[in-house]
């Protein structure tokens, strides 16, 4: 099985409901937001093609959600 590493715009990521992480606390989210602002995304997401223009996020959903909350649209 081959994998590709590519850059995908945040607004092209779709988060399937079954992958949403429910265990994060507000304190943990605040800590991760601070890390994202200071260091950016350090670990690639796992995604699959959702349709012709979007990707489904399978690993990295919490970071995707927090980046959107921080206003990182593209």
N, C-alpha and C. Protein backbone atom coordinates (compact mmCIF):
# COMPACT_ATOMS: atom_id res chain seq x y z
N UNK A 1 0.84 -1.17 0.00
CA UNK A 1 0.00 0.00 0.00
C UNK A 1 0.89 1.24 0.00
N UNK A 2 0.61 2.18 -0.86
CA UNK A 2 1.42 3.40 -0.97
C UNK A 2 0.68 4.58 -0.33
N UNK A 3 1.46 5.46 0.26
CA UNK A 3 0.91 6.65 0.88
C UNK A 3 1.59 7.87 0.28
N UNK A 4 0.85 8.94 0.17
CA UNK A 4 1.39 10.19 -0.34
C UNK A 4 1.32 11.24 0.74
N UNK A 5 2.34 12.07 0.83
CA UNK A 5 2.34 13.20 1.73
C UNK A 5 2.07 14.43 0.87
N UNK A 6 0.99 15.14 1.17
CA UNK A 6 0.66 16.32 0.39
C UNK A 6 0.08 17.39 1.30
N UNK A 7 0.11 18.60 0.84
CA UNK A 7 -0.46 19.72 1.56
C UNK A 7 -1.89 19.92 1.09
N UNK A 8 -2.82 20.00 2.06
CA UNK A 8 -4.24 20.19 1.75
C UNK A 8 -4.73 21.38 2.56
N UNK A 9 -5.45 22.26 1.93
CA UNK A 9 -6.01 23.43 2.63
C UNK A 9 -6.99 22.98 3.71
N UNK A 10 -6.98 23.68 4.83
CA UNK A 10 -7.85 23.35 5.96
C UNK A 10 -9.33 23.39 5.57
N UNK A 11 -9.70 24.32 4.70
CA UNK A 11 -11.10 24.41 4.30
C UNK A 11 -11.53 23.28 3.36
N UNK A 12 -10.60 22.43 2.96
CA UNK A 12 -10.92 21.27 2.12
C UNK A 12 -11.04 19.98 2.94
N UNK A 13 -10.93 20.10 4.28
CA UNK A 13 -11.01 18.93 5.15
C UNK A 13 -12.41 18.78 5.73
N UNK A 14 -12.95 17.59 5.64
CA UNK A 14 -14.26 17.27 6.16
C UNK A 14 -14.05 16.30 7.33
N UNK A 15 -14.72 16.56 8.46
CA UNK A 15 -14.56 15.70 9.64
C UNK A 15 -15.79 14.79 9.76
N UNK A 16 -15.65 13.51 9.44
CA UNK A 16 -16.78 12.59 9.60
C UNK A 16 -17.20 12.49 11.07
N UNK A 17 -18.50 12.46 11.34
CA UNK A 17 -19.01 12.44 12.71
C UNK A 17 -18.44 11.29 13.53
N UNK A 18 -18.20 10.15 12.91
CA UNK A 18 -17.71 8.98 13.66
C UNK A 18 -16.26 9.14 14.12
N UNK A 19 -15.56 10.15 13.62
CA UNK A 19 -14.17 10.33 14.03
C UNK A 19 -13.98 11.45 15.05
N UNK A 20 -15.06 12.16 15.39
CA UNK A 20 -14.93 13.26 16.35
C UNK A 20 -14.50 12.75 17.71
N UNK A 21 -13.52 13.41 18.27
CA UNK A 21 -12.99 13.02 19.58
C UNK A 21 -13.81 13.71 20.67
N UNK A 22 -14.33 12.94 21.59
CA UNK A 22 -15.18 13.46 22.65
C UNK A 22 -14.46 13.65 23.98
N UNK A 23 -13.23 13.18 24.12
CA UNK A 23 -12.59 13.12 25.43
C UNK A 23 -11.79 14.36 25.82
N UNK A 24 -11.60 15.31 24.92
CA UNK A 24 -10.78 16.48 25.23
C UNK A 24 -11.49 17.40 26.23
N UNK A 25 -10.71 17.94 27.15
CA UNK A 25 -11.25 18.89 28.13
C UNK A 25 -10.96 20.30 27.62
N UNK A 26 -11.68 21.30 28.11
CA UNK A 26 -11.37 22.68 27.71
C UNK A 26 -9.92 23.07 28.01
N UNK A 27 -9.37 22.60 29.13
CA UNK A 27 -7.98 22.91 29.48
C UNK A 27 -7.02 22.28 28.47
N UNK A 28 -7.30 21.04 28.07
CA UNK A 28 -6.44 20.37 27.09
C UNK A 28 -6.53 21.07 25.73
N UNK A 29 -7.74 21.50 25.36
CA UNK A 29 -7.90 22.23 24.10
C UNK A 29 -7.14 23.54 24.14
N UNK A 30 -7.19 24.26 25.26
CA UNK A 30 -6.47 25.53 25.39
C UNK A 30 -4.96 25.31 25.26
N UNK A 31 -4.47 24.26 25.87
CA UNK A 31 -3.04 23.94 25.80
C UNK A 31 -2.62 23.61 24.37
N UNK A 32 -3.44 22.82 23.68
CA UNK A 32 -3.13 22.46 22.30
C UNK A 32 -3.23 23.68 21.39
N UNK A 33 -4.21 24.55 21.61
CA UNK A 33 -4.32 25.77 20.80
C UNK A 33 -3.06 26.62 20.93
N UNK A 34 -2.57 26.75 22.15
CA UNK A 34 -1.35 27.53 22.39
C UNK A 34 -0.18 26.91 21.63
N UNK A 35 -0.07 25.60 21.68
CA UNK A 35 0.98 24.90 20.96
C UNK A 35 0.86 25.12 19.45
N UNK A 36 -0.36 25.05 18.94
CA UNK A 36 -0.58 25.26 17.51
C UNK A 36 -0.20 26.67 17.09
N UNK A 37 -0.51 27.65 17.94
CA UNK A 37 -0.15 29.03 17.62
C UNK A 37 1.36 29.24 17.64
N UNK A 38 2.04 28.60 18.59
CA UNK A 38 3.48 28.79 18.74
C UNK A 38 4.31 27.94 17.77
N UNK A 39 3.89 26.69 17.53
CA UNK A 39 4.71 25.76 16.77
C UNK A 39 4.08 25.28 15.47
N UNK A 40 2.79 25.49 15.30
CA UNK A 40 2.10 24.98 14.12
C UNK A 40 1.80 23.50 14.25
N UNK A 41 1.42 22.90 13.17
CA UNK A 41 1.09 21.47 13.14
C UNK A 41 2.40 20.69 12.98
N UNK A 42 2.67 19.81 13.92
CA UNK A 42 3.93 19.06 13.91
C UNK A 42 3.80 17.65 13.37
N UNK A 43 2.59 17.11 13.35
CA UNK A 43 2.36 15.74 12.92
C UNK A 43 1.34 15.75 11.77
N UNK A 44 1.62 15.07 10.66
CA UNK A 44 0.66 15.05 9.54
C UNK A 44 -0.65 14.38 9.93
N UNK A 45 -1.72 14.82 9.31
CA UNK A 45 -3.04 14.20 9.50
C UNK A 45 -3.14 12.96 8.60
N UNK A 46 -4.05 12.07 8.96
CA UNK A 46 -4.39 10.94 8.10
C UNK A 46 -5.73 11.27 7.47
N UNK A 47 -5.74 11.36 6.14
CA UNK A 47 -6.95 11.72 5.41
C UNK A 47 -7.17 10.77 4.25
N UNK A 48 -8.39 10.75 3.76
CA UNK A 48 -8.70 10.02 2.53
C UNK A 48 -9.56 10.91 1.66
N UNK A 49 -9.58 10.62 0.39
CA UNK A 49 -10.38 11.41 -0.55
C UNK A 49 -11.85 11.30 -0.16
N UNK A 50 -12.53 12.43 0.01
CA UNK A 50 -13.94 12.47 0.37
C UNK A 50 -14.80 12.63 -0.88
N UNK A 51 -14.41 13.55 -1.71
CA UNK A 51 -15.01 13.74 -3.04
C UNK A 51 -13.94 14.37 -3.92
N UNK A 52 -14.31 14.95 -5.04
CA UNK A 52 -13.30 15.48 -5.96
C UNK A 52 -12.49 16.63 -5.38
N UNK A 53 -13.05 17.38 -4.41
CA UNK A 53 -12.35 18.56 -3.91
C UNK A 53 -12.08 18.54 -2.41
N UNK A 54 -12.57 17.54 -1.70
CA UNK A 54 -12.40 17.51 -0.24
C UNK A 54 -11.80 16.18 0.22
N UNK A 55 -11.28 16.23 1.45
CA UNK A 55 -10.69 15.05 2.09
C UNK A 55 -11.38 14.81 3.43
N UNK A 56 -11.54 13.56 3.81
CA UNK A 56 -12.08 13.20 5.13
C UNK A 56 -10.90 13.00 6.08
N UNK A 57 -10.98 13.61 7.26
CA UNK A 57 -9.92 13.50 8.26
C UNK A 57 -10.21 12.29 9.14
N UNK A 58 -9.25 11.38 9.25
CA UNK A 58 -9.40 10.21 10.10
C UNK A 58 -8.53 10.28 11.34
N UNK A 59 -7.43 10.94 11.25
CA UNK A 59 -6.57 11.16 12.41
C UNK A 59 -6.09 12.60 12.32
N UNK A 60 -6.44 13.40 13.32
CA UNK A 60 -6.13 14.82 13.31
C UNK A 60 -7.38 15.67 13.39
N UNK A 61 -8.50 15.03 13.76
CA UNK A 61 -9.77 15.77 13.79
C UNK A 61 -9.78 16.87 14.85
N UNK A 62 -9.20 16.59 16.00
CA UNK A 62 -9.19 17.59 17.07
C UNK A 62 -8.35 18.79 16.66
N UNK A 63 -7.21 18.55 16.07
CA UNK A 63 -6.37 19.66 15.62
C UNK A 63 -7.07 20.44 14.51
N UNK A 64 -7.74 19.75 13.60
CA UNK A 64 -8.48 20.42 12.54
C UNK A 64 -9.53 21.35 13.14
N UNK A 65 -10.29 20.84 14.12
CA UNK A 65 -11.33 21.64 14.78
C UNK A 65 -10.72 22.86 15.46
N UNK A 66 -9.62 22.67 16.19
CA UNK A 66 -9.00 23.77 16.91
C UNK A 66 -8.38 24.81 15.96
N UNK A 67 -7.80 24.36 14.87
CA UNK A 67 -7.27 25.31 13.87
C UNK A 67 -8.39 26.17 13.31
N UNK A 68 -9.54 25.58 13.08
CA UNK A 68 -10.69 26.36 12.60
C UNK A 68 -11.14 27.38 13.65
N UNK A 69 -11.14 26.96 14.92
CA UNK A 69 -11.50 27.89 15.99
C UNK A 69 -10.51 29.04 16.08
N UNK A 70 -9.26 28.79 15.75
CA UNK A 70 -8.23 29.83 15.76
C UNK A 70 -8.29 30.74 14.52
N UNK A 71 -9.18 30.38 13.59
CA UNK A 71 -9.33 31.20 12.38
C UNK A 71 -8.33 30.91 11.30
N UNK A 72 -7.76 29.74 11.31
CA UNK A 72 -6.80 29.32 10.27
C UNK A 72 -7.57 28.67 9.13
N UNK A 73 -8.07 29.46 8.21
CA UNK A 73 -8.99 28.96 7.19
C UNK A 73 -8.31 28.22 6.06
N UNK A 74 -7.15 28.65 5.63
CA UNK A 74 -6.56 28.09 4.44
C UNK A 74 -5.43 27.15 4.68
